[in-house]
Amino acid sequence: MSGDMLVVGRVNAGKTSICLRLARHLGLRELAWVVERTDGVRERRRMPMSEANALLSSEEEHRTRALQTLLLSVPKGKGEHVVRIADSAGLTEGLHADETVRRAMGQTLRALVAAKGVLHVVDAAAVGRALTLSQTAPFHTLDEQMVAIGRTKAQYLILANKMDLPLAKDGYRWLMEHCGPIRVLPVSAREGSGFHEVKRYVWRLA
């Protein structure tokens, strides 16, 4: 299944939390999604948002090991339109020791190349911390590569996540300067800030 929008980012940037917060912001009480496993099997699932939060959102690295396409109902005129947002496995540099994780990252990269639209989630607090250490490259190489691919897409947006954490504002300002003219939205999946803008962006896809 090809989503209207693919959510990508490094491990623990908050991709799944972003998807769940967006679903809550749209007022959904039940979550519907399709899991596309790396072996080609597809599974359709539905559950209340309260259960989905516990199942899909975790601080554990590489918890997402397959494309999880969320089906979000967006009001349009007198009816509704379903927007598909595909959550993906987090990316890391180098060859991961776990074969399942390697396959999941390969699936993410293929989906990134094929996607028409991309939501690129970046940990703004991590960028801010890197700046305080006077690192010459506070942005990871993988993120730079995702930006380069994103510039070729019809729809591409960077979400500077974790704005509730210290030094995130510094990271956000650096992203604004470094990634311009690409639009960078400051958000916090934990607190829900900034999601009025994300919701308007998704509405435009409907």
N, C-alpha and C. Protein backbone atom coordinates (compact mmCIF):
# COMPACT_ATOMS: atom_id res chain seq x y z
N MET A 1 0.86 -1.21 0.00
CA MET A 1 0.00 0.00 0.00
C MET A 1 0.88 1.24 0.00
N SER A 2 0.66 2.15 -0.89
CA SER A 2 1.41 3.40 -0.92
C SER A 2 0.64 4.46 -0.16
N GLY A 3 1.31 5.10 0.79
CA GLY A 3 0.64 6.12 1.57
C GLY A 3 0.63 7.46 0.86
N ASP A 4 -0.29 8.34 1.26
CA ASP A 4 -0.25 9.71 0.75
C ASP A 4 1.01 10.42 1.26
N MET A 5 1.49 10.00 2.44
CA MET A 5 2.64 10.65 3.06
C MET A 5 3.44 9.61 3.84
N LEU A 6 4.77 9.65 3.70
CA LEU A 6 5.65 8.77 4.45
C LEU A 6 6.33 9.55 5.55
N VAL A 7 6.32 9.00 6.77
CA VAL A 7 6.99 9.62 7.91
C VAL A 7 8.33 8.94 8.11
N VAL A 8 9.42 9.71 8.04
CA VAL A 8 10.76 9.14 8.15
C VAL A 8 11.57 9.90 9.19
N GLY A 9 12.68 9.30 9.60
CA GLY A 9 13.57 9.95 10.55
C GLY A 9 14.51 8.94 11.18
N ARG A 10 15.45 9.43 11.95
CA ARG A 10 16.37 8.55 12.65
C ARG A 10 15.65 7.86 13.81
N VAL A 11 16.31 6.85 14.36
CA VAL A 11 15.77 6.12 15.50
C VAL A 11 15.49 7.08 16.66
N ASN A 12 14.32 6.93 17.27
CA ASN A 12 13.91 7.71 18.44
C ASN A 12 13.71 9.21 18.15
N ALA A 13 13.51 9.56 16.88
CA ALA A 13 13.17 10.95 16.58
C ALA A 13 11.73 11.26 16.98
N GLY A 14 10.89 10.20 17.11
CA GLY A 14 9.51 10.39 17.53
C GLY A 14 8.50 10.22 16.42
N LYS A 15 8.81 9.43 15.42
CA LYS A 15 7.93 9.28 14.25
C LYS A 15 6.56 8.70 14.63
N THR A 16 6.57 7.59 15.35
CA THR A 16 5.29 6.95 15.72
C THR A 16 4.48 7.85 16.63
N SER A 17 5.15 8.52 17.57
CA SER A 17 4.45 9.45 18.47
C SER A 17 3.82 10.59 17.69
N ILE A 18 4.51 11.05 16.65
CA ILE A 18 3.96 12.10 15.78
C ILE A 18 2.67 11.61 15.13
N CYS A 19 2.68 10.39 14.60
CA CYS A 19 1.50 9.83 13.93
C CYS A 19 0.33 9.70 14.90
N LEU A 20 0.61 9.21 16.11
CA LEU A 20 -0.46 9.03 17.09
C LEU A 20 -1.01 10.37 17.57
N ARG A 21 -0.13 11.33 17.78
CA ARG A 21 -0.60 12.66 18.21
C ARG A 21 -1.46 13.29 17.12
N LEU A 22 -1.09 13.11 15.87
CA LEU A 22 -1.88 13.65 14.76
C LEU A 22 -3.27 13.01 14.74
N ALA A 23 -3.32 11.69 14.95
CA ALA A 23 -4.61 10.99 14.98
C ALA A 23 -5.48 11.52 16.11
N ARG A 24 -4.89 11.75 17.27
CA ARG A 24 -5.65 12.30 18.39
C ARG A 24 -6.11 13.71 18.09
N HIS A 25 -5.26 14.48 17.42
CA HIS A 25 -5.59 15.86 17.11
C HIS A 25 -6.75 15.94 16.11
N LEU A 26 -6.87 14.90 15.29
CA LEU A 26 -7.98 14.84 14.35
C LEU A 26 -9.26 14.33 15.01
N GLY A 27 -9.18 14.00 16.29
CA GLY A 27 -10.36 13.57 17.04
C GLY A 27 -10.71 12.10 16.88
N LEU A 28 -9.77 11.30 16.41
CA LEU A 28 -10.07 9.88 16.21
C LEU A 28 -10.09 9.14 17.55
N ARG A 29 -11.10 8.31 17.73
CA ARG A 29 -11.19 7.48 18.94
C ARG A 29 -10.73 6.05 18.67
N GLU A 30 -10.70 5.68 17.40
CA GLU A 30 -10.26 4.36 17.01
C GLU A 30 -9.22 4.50 15.91
N LEU A 31 -8.19 3.68 15.99
CA LEU A 31 -7.12 3.76 15.01
C LEU A 31 -7.20 2.56 14.07
N ALA A 32 -7.11 2.84 12.79
CA ALA A 32 -7.09 1.78 11.77
C ALA A 32 -5.79 1.90 11.00
N TRP A 33 -5.11 0.78 10.82
CA TRP A 33 -3.87 0.83 10.07
C TRP A 33 -3.58 -0.51 9.40
N VAL A 34 -2.66 -0.46 8.44
CA VAL A 34 -2.22 -1.65 7.72
C VAL A 34 -0.73 -1.82 7.94
N VAL A 35 -0.35 -2.98 8.43
CA VAL A 35 1.07 -3.31 8.63
C VAL A 35 1.57 -4.05 7.40
N GLU A 36 2.62 -3.52 6.79
CA GLU A 36 3.24 -4.16 5.62
C GLU A 36 4.58 -4.76 6.06
N ARG A 37 4.57 -6.04 6.38
CA ARG A 37 5.77 -6.70 6.86
C ARG A 37 6.81 -6.84 5.75
N THR A 38 8.06 -7.01 6.16
CA THR A 38 9.14 -7.10 5.16
C THR A 38 9.07 -8.38 4.35
N ASP A 39 8.28 -9.38 4.82
CA ASP A 39 8.13 -10.62 4.04
C ASP A 39 6.97 -10.53 3.05
N GLY A 40 6.37 -9.34 2.93
CA GLY A 40 5.30 -9.13 1.96
C GLY A 40 3.90 -9.32 2.50
N VAL A 41 3.77 -9.83 3.72
CA VAL A 41 2.45 -10.05 4.32
C VAL A 41 1.87 -8.74 4.82
N ARG A 42 0.58 -8.53 4.57
CA ARG A 42 -0.12 -7.33 5.05
C ARG A 42 -1.17 -7.71 6.08
N GLU A 43 -1.24 -6.94 7.14
CA GLU A 43 -2.21 -7.20 8.20
C GLU A 43 -3.00 -5.93 8.48
N ARG A 44 -4.32 -6.05 8.49
CA ARG A 44 -5.18 -4.90 8.83
C ARG A 44 -5.55 -4.97 10.30
N ARG A 45 -5.44 -3.85 10.99
CA ARG A 45 -5.72 -3.82 12.42
C ARG A 45 -6.57 -2.61 12.78
N ARG A 46 -7.38 -2.78 13.82
CA ARG A 46 -8.17 -1.68 14.38
C ARG A 46 -8.15 -1.82 15.90
N MET A 47 -8.09 -0.69 16.58
CA MET A 47 -8.18 -0.73 18.04
C MET A 47 -8.41 0.68 18.58
N PRO A 48 -8.93 0.78 19.81
CA PRO A 48 -9.12 2.10 20.41
C PRO A 48 -7.80 2.84 20.54
N MET A 49 -7.84 4.16 20.48
CA MET A 49 -6.63 4.96 20.57
C MET A 49 -5.85 4.68 21.84
N SER A 50 -6.57 4.43 22.95
CA SER A 50 -5.89 4.19 24.23
C SER A 50 -4.99 2.96 24.15
N GLU A 51 -5.45 1.92 23.47
CA GLU A 51 -4.64 0.71 23.32
C GLU A 51 -3.54 0.92 22.29
N ALA A 52 -3.84 1.67 21.24
CA ALA A 52 -2.85 1.91 20.19
C ALA A 52 -1.66 2.67 20.73
N ASN A 53 -1.90 3.62 21.62
CA ASN A 53 -0.80 4.39 22.20
C ASN A 53 0.21 3.49 22.88
N ALA A 54 -0.29 2.52 23.66
CA ALA A 54 0.60 1.62 24.40
C ALA A 54 1.31 0.65 23.46
N LEU A 55 0.63 0.21 22.40
CA LEU A 55 1.19 -0.79 21.51
C LEU A 55 2.21 -0.21 20.54
N LEU A 56 1.90 0.94 19.97
CA LEU A 56 2.72 1.48 18.88
C LEU A 56 3.80 2.44 19.33
N SER A 57 3.60 3.09 20.46
CA SER A 57 4.55 4.12 20.90
C SER A 57 5.44 3.56 22.00
N SER A 58 6.74 3.65 21.79
CA SER A 58 7.68 3.10 22.75
C SER A 58 9.02 3.80 22.60
N GLU A 59 9.79 3.88 23.69
CA GLU A 59 11.13 4.46 23.63
C GLU A 59 12.15 3.43 23.16
N GLU A 60 11.74 2.18 23.03
CA GLU A 60 12.66 1.13 22.62
C GLU A 60 13.13 1.38 21.19
N GLU A 61 14.44 1.22 20.97
CA GLU A 61 14.98 1.42 19.63
C GLU A 61 14.43 0.36 18.68
N HIS A 62 14.12 0.80 17.48
CA HIS A 62 13.66 -0.08 16.41
C HIS A 62 12.40 -0.84 16.80
N ARG A 63 11.51 -0.20 17.55
CA ARG A 63 10.23 -0.83 17.87
C ARG A 63 9.41 -1.01 16.58
N THR A 64 9.49 -0.02 15.69
CA THR A 64 8.79 -0.12 14.41
C THR A 64 9.67 -0.88 13.43
N ARG A 65 9.21 -2.08 13.03
CA ARG A 65 10.02 -2.93 12.15
C ARG A 65 9.30 -3.26 10.85
N ALA A 66 8.33 -2.45 10.50
CA ALA A 66 7.61 -2.61 9.24
C ALA A 66 6.84 -1.32 8.98
N LEU A 67 6.47 -1.10 7.73
CA LEU A 67 5.65 0.07 7.42
C LEU A 67 4.29 -0.08 8.08
N GLN A 68 3.87 0.94 8.80
CA GLN A 68 2.57 0.95 9.47
C GLN A 68 1.77 2.11 8.89
N THR A 69 0.87 1.80 7.95
CA THR A 69 0.13 2.84 7.26
C THR A 69 -1.15 3.15 8.02
N LEU A 70 -1.19 4.33 8.64
CA LEU A 70 -2.35 4.77 9.39
C LEU A 70 -3.39 5.36 8.44
N LEU A 71 -4.64 5.00 8.65
CA LEU A 71 -5.73 5.50 7.82
C LEU A 71 -6.46 6.57 8.59
N LEU A 72 -6.25 7.83 8.23
CA LEU A 72 -6.79 8.97 8.96
C LEU A 72 -7.96 9.58 8.21
N SER A 73 -9.12 9.63 8.86
CA SER A 73 -10.31 10.22 8.24
C SER A 73 -10.29 11.73 8.42
N VAL A 74 -10.30 12.44 7.30
CA VAL A 74 -10.24 13.90 7.32
C VAL A 74 -11.51 14.47 6.71
N PRO A 75 -12.21 15.39 7.41
CA PRO A 75 -13.44 15.99 6.85
C PRO A 75 -13.15 16.69 5.53
N LYS A 76 -14.04 16.46 4.55
CA LYS A 76 -13.91 17.13 3.26
C LYS A 76 -15.30 17.37 2.69
N GLY A 77 -15.68 18.65 2.64
CA GLY A 77 -17.03 18.98 2.20
C GLY A 77 -18.05 18.39 3.13
N LYS A 78 -19.02 17.66 2.60
CA LYS A 78 -20.06 17.04 3.41
C LYS A 78 -19.68 15.62 3.85
N GLY A 79 -18.54 15.16 3.39
CA GLY A 79 -18.13 13.80 3.74
C GLY A 79 -16.75 13.76 4.36
N GLU A 80 -16.08 12.63 4.18
CA GLU A 80 -14.74 12.45 4.71
C GLU A 80 -13.83 11.84 3.65
N HIS A 81 -12.55 12.10 3.79
CA HIS A 81 -11.55 11.53 2.90
C HIS A 81 -10.50 10.85 3.75
N VAL A 82 -10.05 9.69 3.35
CA VAL A 82 -9.04 8.96 4.10
C VAL A 82 -7.65 9.32 3.58
N VAL A 83 -6.84 9.85 4.48
CA VAL A 83 -5.44 10.15 4.16
C VAL A 83 -4.58 9.05 4.77
N ARG A 84 -3.67 8.50 3.99
CA ARG A 84 -2.81 7.43 4.46
C ARG A 84 -1.44 8.00 4.84
N ILE A 85 -1.07 7.79 6.11
CA ILE A 85 0.21 8.24 6.62
C ILE A 85 1.02 7.01 7.01
N ALA A 86 2.11 6.75 6.31
CA ALA A 86 2.90 5.55 6.55
C ALA A 86 4.05 5.83 7.51
N ASP A 87 3.96 5.23 8.71
CA ASP A 87 5.05 5.29 9.68
C ASP A 87 6.10 4.26 9.27
N SER A 88 7.38 4.58 9.50
CA SER A 88 8.44 3.69 9.01
C SER A 88 9.46 3.39 10.09
N ALA A 89 10.31 2.40 9.82
CA ALA A 89 11.37 2.03 10.76
C ALA A 89 12.40 3.15 10.82
N GLY A 90 12.93 3.39 12.02
CA GLY A 90 13.96 4.42 12.20
C GLY A 90 15.26 4.03 11.52
N LEU A 91 15.99 5.01 11.02
CA LEU A 91 17.22 4.77 10.29
C LEU A 91 18.44 5.06 11.16
N THR A 92 19.49 4.27 10.96
CA THR A 92 20.76 4.48 11.65
C THR A 92 21.89 4.30 10.65
N GLU A 93 23.05 4.88 10.96
CA GLU A 93 24.22 4.68 10.10
C GLU A 93 24.78 3.28 10.30
N GLY A 94 25.44 2.78 9.28
CA GLY A 94 26.12 1.50 9.39
C GLY A 94 25.20 0.31 9.21
N LEU A 95 25.78 -0.88 9.29
CA LEU A 95 25.05 -2.13 9.11
C LEU A 95 24.61 -2.66 10.46
N HIS A 96 23.30 -2.69 10.70
CA HIS A 96 22.77 -3.14 11.99
C HIS A 96 22.96 -4.64 12.14
N ALA A 97 23.23 -5.09 13.37
CA ALA A 97 23.48 -6.51 13.63
C ALA A 97 22.24 -7.38 13.47
N ASP A 98 21.07 -6.79 13.70
CA ASP A 98 19.81 -7.54 13.63
C ASP A 98 19.30 -7.56 12.19
N GLU A 99 19.16 -8.76 11.63
CA GLU A 99 18.72 -8.87 10.24
C GLU A 99 17.32 -8.30 10.03
N THR A 100 16.43 -8.50 11.02
CA THR A 100 15.06 -7.97 10.91
C THR A 100 15.08 -6.45 10.81
N VAL A 101 15.93 -5.82 11.61
CA VAL A 101 16.06 -4.36 11.57
C VAL A 101 16.65 -3.92 10.24
N ARG A 102 17.63 -4.65 9.73
CA ARG A 102 18.21 -4.29 8.42
C ARG A 102 17.16 -4.33 7.32
N ARG A 103 16.32 -5.37 7.34
CA ARG A 103 15.27 -5.47 6.32
C ARG A 103 14.27 -4.32 6.46
N ALA A 104 13.96 -3.97 7.71
CA ALA A 104 13.00 -2.88 7.94
C ALA A 104 13.56 -1.55 7.45
N MET A 105 14.85 -1.30 7.69
CA MET A 105 15.45 -0.06 7.21
C MET A 105 15.52 -0.04 5.69
N GLY A 106 15.79 -1.20 5.09
CA GLY A 106 15.78 -1.28 3.62
C GLY A 106 14.41 -0.96 3.07
N GLN A 107 13.37 -1.46 3.74
CA GLN A 107 11.99 -1.17 3.34
C GLN A 107 11.71 0.33 3.43
N THR A 108 12.21 0.95 4.50
CA THR A 108 12.02 2.39 4.66
C THR A 108 12.68 3.17 3.54
N LEU A 109 13.90 2.81 3.19
CA LEU A 109 14.63 3.53 2.14
C LEU A 109 13.93 3.39 0.78
N ARG A 110 13.43 2.20 0.49
CA ARG A 110 12.70 2.00 -0.78
C ARG A 110 11.43 2.85 -0.80
N ALA A 111 10.73 2.88 0.34
CA ALA A 111 9.50 3.66 0.43
C ALA A 111 9.80 5.15 0.31
N LEU A 112 10.94 5.58 0.86
CA LEU A 112 11.33 7.00 0.80
C LEU A 112 11.55 7.43 -0.64
N VAL A 113 12.24 6.61 -1.40
CA VAL A 113 12.50 6.95 -2.81
C VAL A 113 11.20 7.01 -3.61
N ALA A 114 10.26 6.10 -3.30
CA ALA A 114 9.02 6.01 -4.07
C ALA A 114 7.95 6.99 -3.62
N ALA A 115 8.06 7.52 -2.40
CA ALA A 115 6.99 8.34 -1.82
C ALA A 115 6.79 9.65 -2.58
N LYS A 116 5.53 10.07 -2.69
CA LYS A 116 5.21 11.36 -3.30
C LYS A 116 5.38 12.50 -2.29
N GLY A 117 5.10 12.20 -1.03
CA GLY A 117 5.22 13.20 0.01
C GLY A 117 5.92 12.64 1.23
N VAL A 118 6.66 13.49 1.95
CA VAL A 118 7.47 13.04 3.09
C VAL A 118 7.32 14.00 4.26
N LEU A 119 7.09 13.43 5.45
CA LEU A 119 7.20 14.16 6.72
C LEU A 119 8.48 13.68 7.38
N HIS A 120 9.46 14.55 7.48
CA HIS A 120 10.79 14.21 8.00
C HIS A 120 10.86 14.67 9.45
N VAL A 121 10.89 13.72 10.38
CA VAL A 121 10.91 14.04 11.81
C VAL A 121 12.35 14.11 12.29
N VAL A 122 12.69 15.24 12.93
CA VAL A 122 14.04 15.47 13.45
C VAL A 122 13.95 15.79 14.94
N ASP A 123 14.85 15.23 15.72
CA ASP A 123 14.93 15.53 17.15
C ASP A 123 15.64 16.87 17.31
N ALA A 124 14.87 17.94 17.48
CA ALA A 124 15.45 19.28 17.57
C ALA A 124 16.30 19.44 18.81
N ALA A 125 15.94 18.77 19.90
CA ALA A 125 16.72 18.86 21.13
C ALA A 125 18.11 18.24 20.93
N ALA A 126 18.19 17.13 20.18
CA ALA A 126 19.48 16.51 19.91
C ALA A 126 20.36 17.43 19.06
N VAL A 127 19.74 18.12 18.09
CA VAL A 127 20.50 19.08 17.28
C VAL A 127 21.02 20.21 18.17
N GLY A 128 20.18 20.69 19.09
CA GLY A 128 20.60 21.74 20.01
C GLY A 128 21.74 21.31 20.91
N ARG A 129 21.67 20.06 21.41
CA ARG A 129 22.75 19.56 22.26
C ARG A 129 24.06 19.46 21.49
N ALA A 130 23.96 19.03 20.22
CA ALA A 130 25.16 18.94 19.38
C ALA A 130 25.80 20.31 19.18
N LEU A 131 24.97 21.34 19.07
CA LEU A 131 25.49 22.70 18.88
C LEU A 131 26.28 23.17 20.10
N THR A 132 25.82 22.79 21.29
CA THR A 132 26.53 23.21 22.52
C THR A 132 27.89 22.54 22.64
N LEU A 133 28.05 21.41 21.96
CA LEU A 133 29.33 20.69 21.98
C LEU A 133 30.25 21.16 20.86
N SER A 134 29.81 22.21 20.15
CA SER A 134 30.59 22.81 19.05
C SER A 134 30.90 21.81 17.95
N GLN A 135 29.94 20.91 17.72
CA GLN A 135 30.13 19.96 16.63
C GLN A 135 29.96 20.67 15.29
N THR A 136 30.86 20.38 14.37
CA THR A 136 30.80 21.04 13.07
C THR A 136 29.62 20.54 12.25
N ALA A 137 29.11 19.33 12.57
CA ALA A 137 27.98 18.76 11.83
C ALA A 137 26.92 18.28 12.81
N PRO A 138 26.11 19.21 13.36
CA PRO A 138 25.07 18.81 14.31
C PRO A 138 23.96 17.98 13.68
N PHE A 139 23.91 18.01 12.36
CA PHE A 139 22.91 17.25 11.61
C PHE A 139 23.55 15.95 11.15
N HIS A 140 22.89 14.81 11.39
CA HIS A 140 23.44 13.52 10.99
C HIS A 140 23.47 13.39 9.47
N THR A 141 24.42 12.59 8.99
CA THR A 141 24.55 12.36 7.55
C THR A 141 23.26 11.80 6.96
N LEU A 142 22.60 10.89 7.70
CA LEU A 142 21.35 10.32 7.22
C LEU A 142 20.28 11.40 7.04
N ASP A 143 20.23 12.33 7.98
CA ASP A 143 19.26 13.42 7.86
C ASP A 143 19.57 14.28 6.64
N GLU A 144 20.85 14.54 6.41
CA GLU A 144 21.24 15.32 5.23
C GLU A 144 20.77 14.61 3.95
N GLN A 145 20.93 13.28 3.93
CA GLN A 145 20.50 12.52 2.75
C GLN A 145 18.99 12.56 2.59
N MET A 146 18.26 12.51 3.71
CA MET A 146 16.80 12.58 3.63
C MET A 146 16.35 13.95 3.15
N VAL A 147 17.05 15.01 3.56
CA VAL A 147 16.73 16.35 3.07
C VAL A 147 16.95 16.42 1.56
N ALA A 148 18.06 15.85 1.10
CA ALA A 148 18.35 15.87 -0.33
C ALA A 148 17.27 15.17 -1.13
N ILE A 149 16.79 14.02 -0.63
CA ILE A 149 15.70 13.31 -1.30
C ILE A 149 14.41 14.10 -1.18
N GLY A 150 14.17 14.67 0.00
CA GLY A 150 12.94 15.43 0.24
C GLY A 150 12.79 16.61 -0.71
N ARG A 151 13.89 17.24 -1.07
CA ARG A 151 13.84 18.39 -1.98
C ARG A 151 13.30 18.01 -3.35
N THR A 152 13.34 16.72 -3.68
CA THR A 152 12.84 16.28 -4.98
C THR A 152 11.36 15.95 -4.96
N LYS A 153 10.73 15.99 -3.78
CA LYS A 153 9.33 15.58 -3.64
C LYS A 153 8.38 16.76 -3.84
N ALA A 154 7.18 16.43 -4.28
CA ALA A 154 6.16 17.46 -4.44
C ALA A 154 5.72 18.00 -3.08
N GLN A 155 5.70 17.13 -2.07
CA GLN A 155 5.31 17.52 -0.71
C GLN A 155 6.41 17.07 0.25
N TYR A 156 7.04 18.02 0.94
CA TYR A 156 8.09 17.68 1.89
C TYR A 156 8.08 18.69 3.02
N LEU A 157 8.06 18.18 4.25
CA LEU A 157 7.98 19.04 5.43
C LEU A 157 8.87 18.45 6.52
N ILE A 158 9.65 19.30 7.18
CA ILE A 158 10.46 18.86 8.31
C ILE A 158 9.73 19.21 9.60
N LEU A 159 9.58 18.23 10.48
CA LEU A 159 8.97 18.45 11.79
C LEU A 159 10.08 18.43 12.84
N ALA A 160 10.36 19.60 13.41
CA ALA A 160 11.35 19.70 14.48
C ALA A 160 10.68 19.27 15.78
N ASN A 161 10.84 18.01 16.14
CA ASN A 161 10.13 17.42 17.28
C ASN A 161 10.89 17.64 18.59
N LYS A 162 10.19 17.36 19.69
CA LYS A 162 10.73 17.44 21.06
C LYS A 162 11.04 18.87 21.47
N MET A 163 10.17 19.82 21.01
CA MET A 163 10.37 21.22 21.36
C MET A 163 10.13 21.51 22.83
N ASP A 164 9.62 20.53 23.57
CA ASP A 164 9.42 20.69 25.01
C ASP A 164 10.71 20.45 25.79
N LEU A 165 11.76 19.99 25.14
CA LEU A 165 13.01 19.66 25.83
C LEU A 165 14.02 20.81 25.76
N PRO A 166 14.97 20.85 26.71
CA PRO A 166 16.00 21.90 26.70
C PRO A 166 16.81 21.88 25.40
N LEU A 167 17.19 23.07 24.95
CA LEU A 167 18.03 23.30 23.77
C LEU A 167 17.33 23.02 22.44
N ALA A 168 16.06 22.61 22.50
CA ALA A 168 15.34 22.35 21.25
C ALA A 168 15.15 23.62 20.43
N LYS A 169 14.95 24.77 21.09
CA LYS A 169 14.77 26.02 20.36
C LYS A 169 16.02 26.36 19.57
N ASP A 170 17.20 26.09 20.16
CA ASP A 170 18.46 26.32 19.43
C ASP A 170 18.53 25.41 18.22
N GLY A 171 18.13 24.15 18.42
CA GLY A 171 18.13 23.21 17.31
C GLY A 171 17.18 23.61 16.21
N TYR A 172 16.01 24.11 16.60
CA TYR A 172 15.01 24.54 15.61
C TYR A 172 15.53 25.72 14.79
N ARG A 173 16.14 26.70 15.46
CA ARG A 173 16.67 27.85 14.73
C ARG A 173 17.76 27.42 13.75
N TRP A 174 18.60 26.47 14.16
CA TRP A 174 19.65 25.99 13.25
C TRP A 174 19.03 25.28 12.05
N LEU A 175 18.00 24.48 12.28
CA LEU A 175 17.33 23.78 11.19
C LEU A 175 16.71 24.77 10.21
N MET A 176 16.12 25.84 10.73
CA MET A 176 15.52 26.86 9.88
C MET A 176 16.57 27.47 8.95
N GLU A 177 17.73 27.76 9.50
CA GLU A 177 18.80 28.38 8.71
C GLU A 177 19.43 27.39 7.74
N HIS A 178 19.62 26.16 8.22
CA HIS A 178 20.35 25.17 7.43
C HIS A 178 19.51 24.57 6.31
N CYS A 179 18.22 24.41 6.54
CA CYS A 179 17.36 23.68 5.59
C CYS A 179 16.51 24.58 4.71
N GLY A 180 16.61 25.90 4.89
CA GLY A 180 15.82 26.79 4.07
C GLY A 180 16.09 26.58 2.58
N PRO A 181 15.08 26.80 1.72
CA PRO A 181 13.74 27.32 2.01
C PRO A 181 12.71 26.26 2.39
N ILE A 182 13.16 25.05 2.72
CA ILE A 182 12.23 24.02 3.16
C ILE A 182 11.53 24.47 4.44
N ARG A 183 10.23 24.22 4.52
CA ARG A 183 9.48 24.61 5.70
C ARG A 183 9.80 23.69 6.87
N VAL A 184 10.08 24.28 8.04
CA VAL A 184 10.36 23.52 9.26
C VAL A 184 9.34 23.92 10.31
N LEU A 185 8.57 22.94 10.79
CA LEU A 185 7.54 23.21 11.80
C LEU A 185 8.02 22.74 13.17
N PRO A 186 7.98 23.60 14.20
CA PRO A 186 8.33 23.16 15.56
C PRO A 186 7.14 22.47 16.21
N VAL A 187 7.34 21.24 16.70
CA VAL A 187 6.25 20.48 17.31
C VAL A 187 6.76 19.73 18.54
N SER A 188 5.82 19.31 19.36
CA SER A 188 6.12 18.41 20.47
C SER A 188 5.07 17.32 20.47
N ALA A 189 5.47 16.10 20.10
CA ALA A 189 4.52 14.99 20.11
C ALA A 189 4.06 14.69 21.53
N ARG A 190 4.93 14.93 22.51
CA ARG A 190 4.58 14.66 23.90
C ARG A 190 3.50 15.61 24.40
N GLU A 191 3.64 16.89 24.10
CA GLU A 191 2.69 17.89 24.61
C GLU A 191 1.60 18.24 23.60
N GLY A 192 1.80 17.93 22.34
CA GLY A 192 0.78 18.23 21.33
C GLY A 192 0.89 19.61 20.72
N SER A 193 1.94 20.35 21.03
CA SER A 193 2.07 21.69 20.47
C SER A 193 2.48 21.63 19.01
N GLY A 194 1.96 22.59 18.23
CA GLY A 194 2.31 22.69 16.82
C GLY A 194 1.46 21.85 15.89
N PHE A 195 0.52 21.07 16.43
CA PHE A 195 -0.21 20.14 15.58
C PHE A 195 -1.40 20.76 14.86
N HIS A 196 -1.77 22.00 15.21
CA HIS A 196 -2.76 22.70 14.39
C HIS A 196 -2.20 22.90 12.98
N GLU A 197 -0.91 23.25 12.90
CA GLU A 197 -0.27 23.45 11.60
C GLU A 197 -0.11 22.13 10.86
N VAL A 198 0.25 21.07 11.59
CA VAL A 198 0.40 19.76 10.95
C VAL A 198 -0.94 19.29 10.40
N LYS A 199 -2.02 19.52 11.19
CA LYS A 199 -3.34 19.11 10.76
C LYS A 199 -3.75 19.85 9.49
N ARG A 200 -3.47 21.15 9.42
CA ARG A 200 -3.80 21.91 8.21
C ARG A 200 -3.03 21.37 7.00
N TYR A 201 -1.79 20.96 7.25
CA TYR A 201 -0.97 20.40 6.17
C TYR A 201 -1.59 19.11 5.65
N VAL A 202 -2.06 18.26 6.56
CA VAL A 202 -2.68 16.99 6.18
C VAL A 202 -4.00 17.24 5.47
N TRP A 203 -4.76 18.24 5.92
CA TRP A 203 -6.04 18.58 5.26
C TRP A 203 -5.83 18.91 3.79
N ARG A 204 -4.68 19.54 3.50
CA ARG A 204 -4.43 19.90 2.10
C ARG A 204 -4.20 18.67 1.21
N LEU A 205 -3.86 17.56 1.84
CA LEU A 205 -3.69 16.32 1.09
C LEU A 205 -5.01 15.65 0.75
N ALA A 206 -6.06 16.00 1.51
CA ALA A 206 -7.36 15.33 1.37
C ALA A 206 -8.04 15.74 0.07
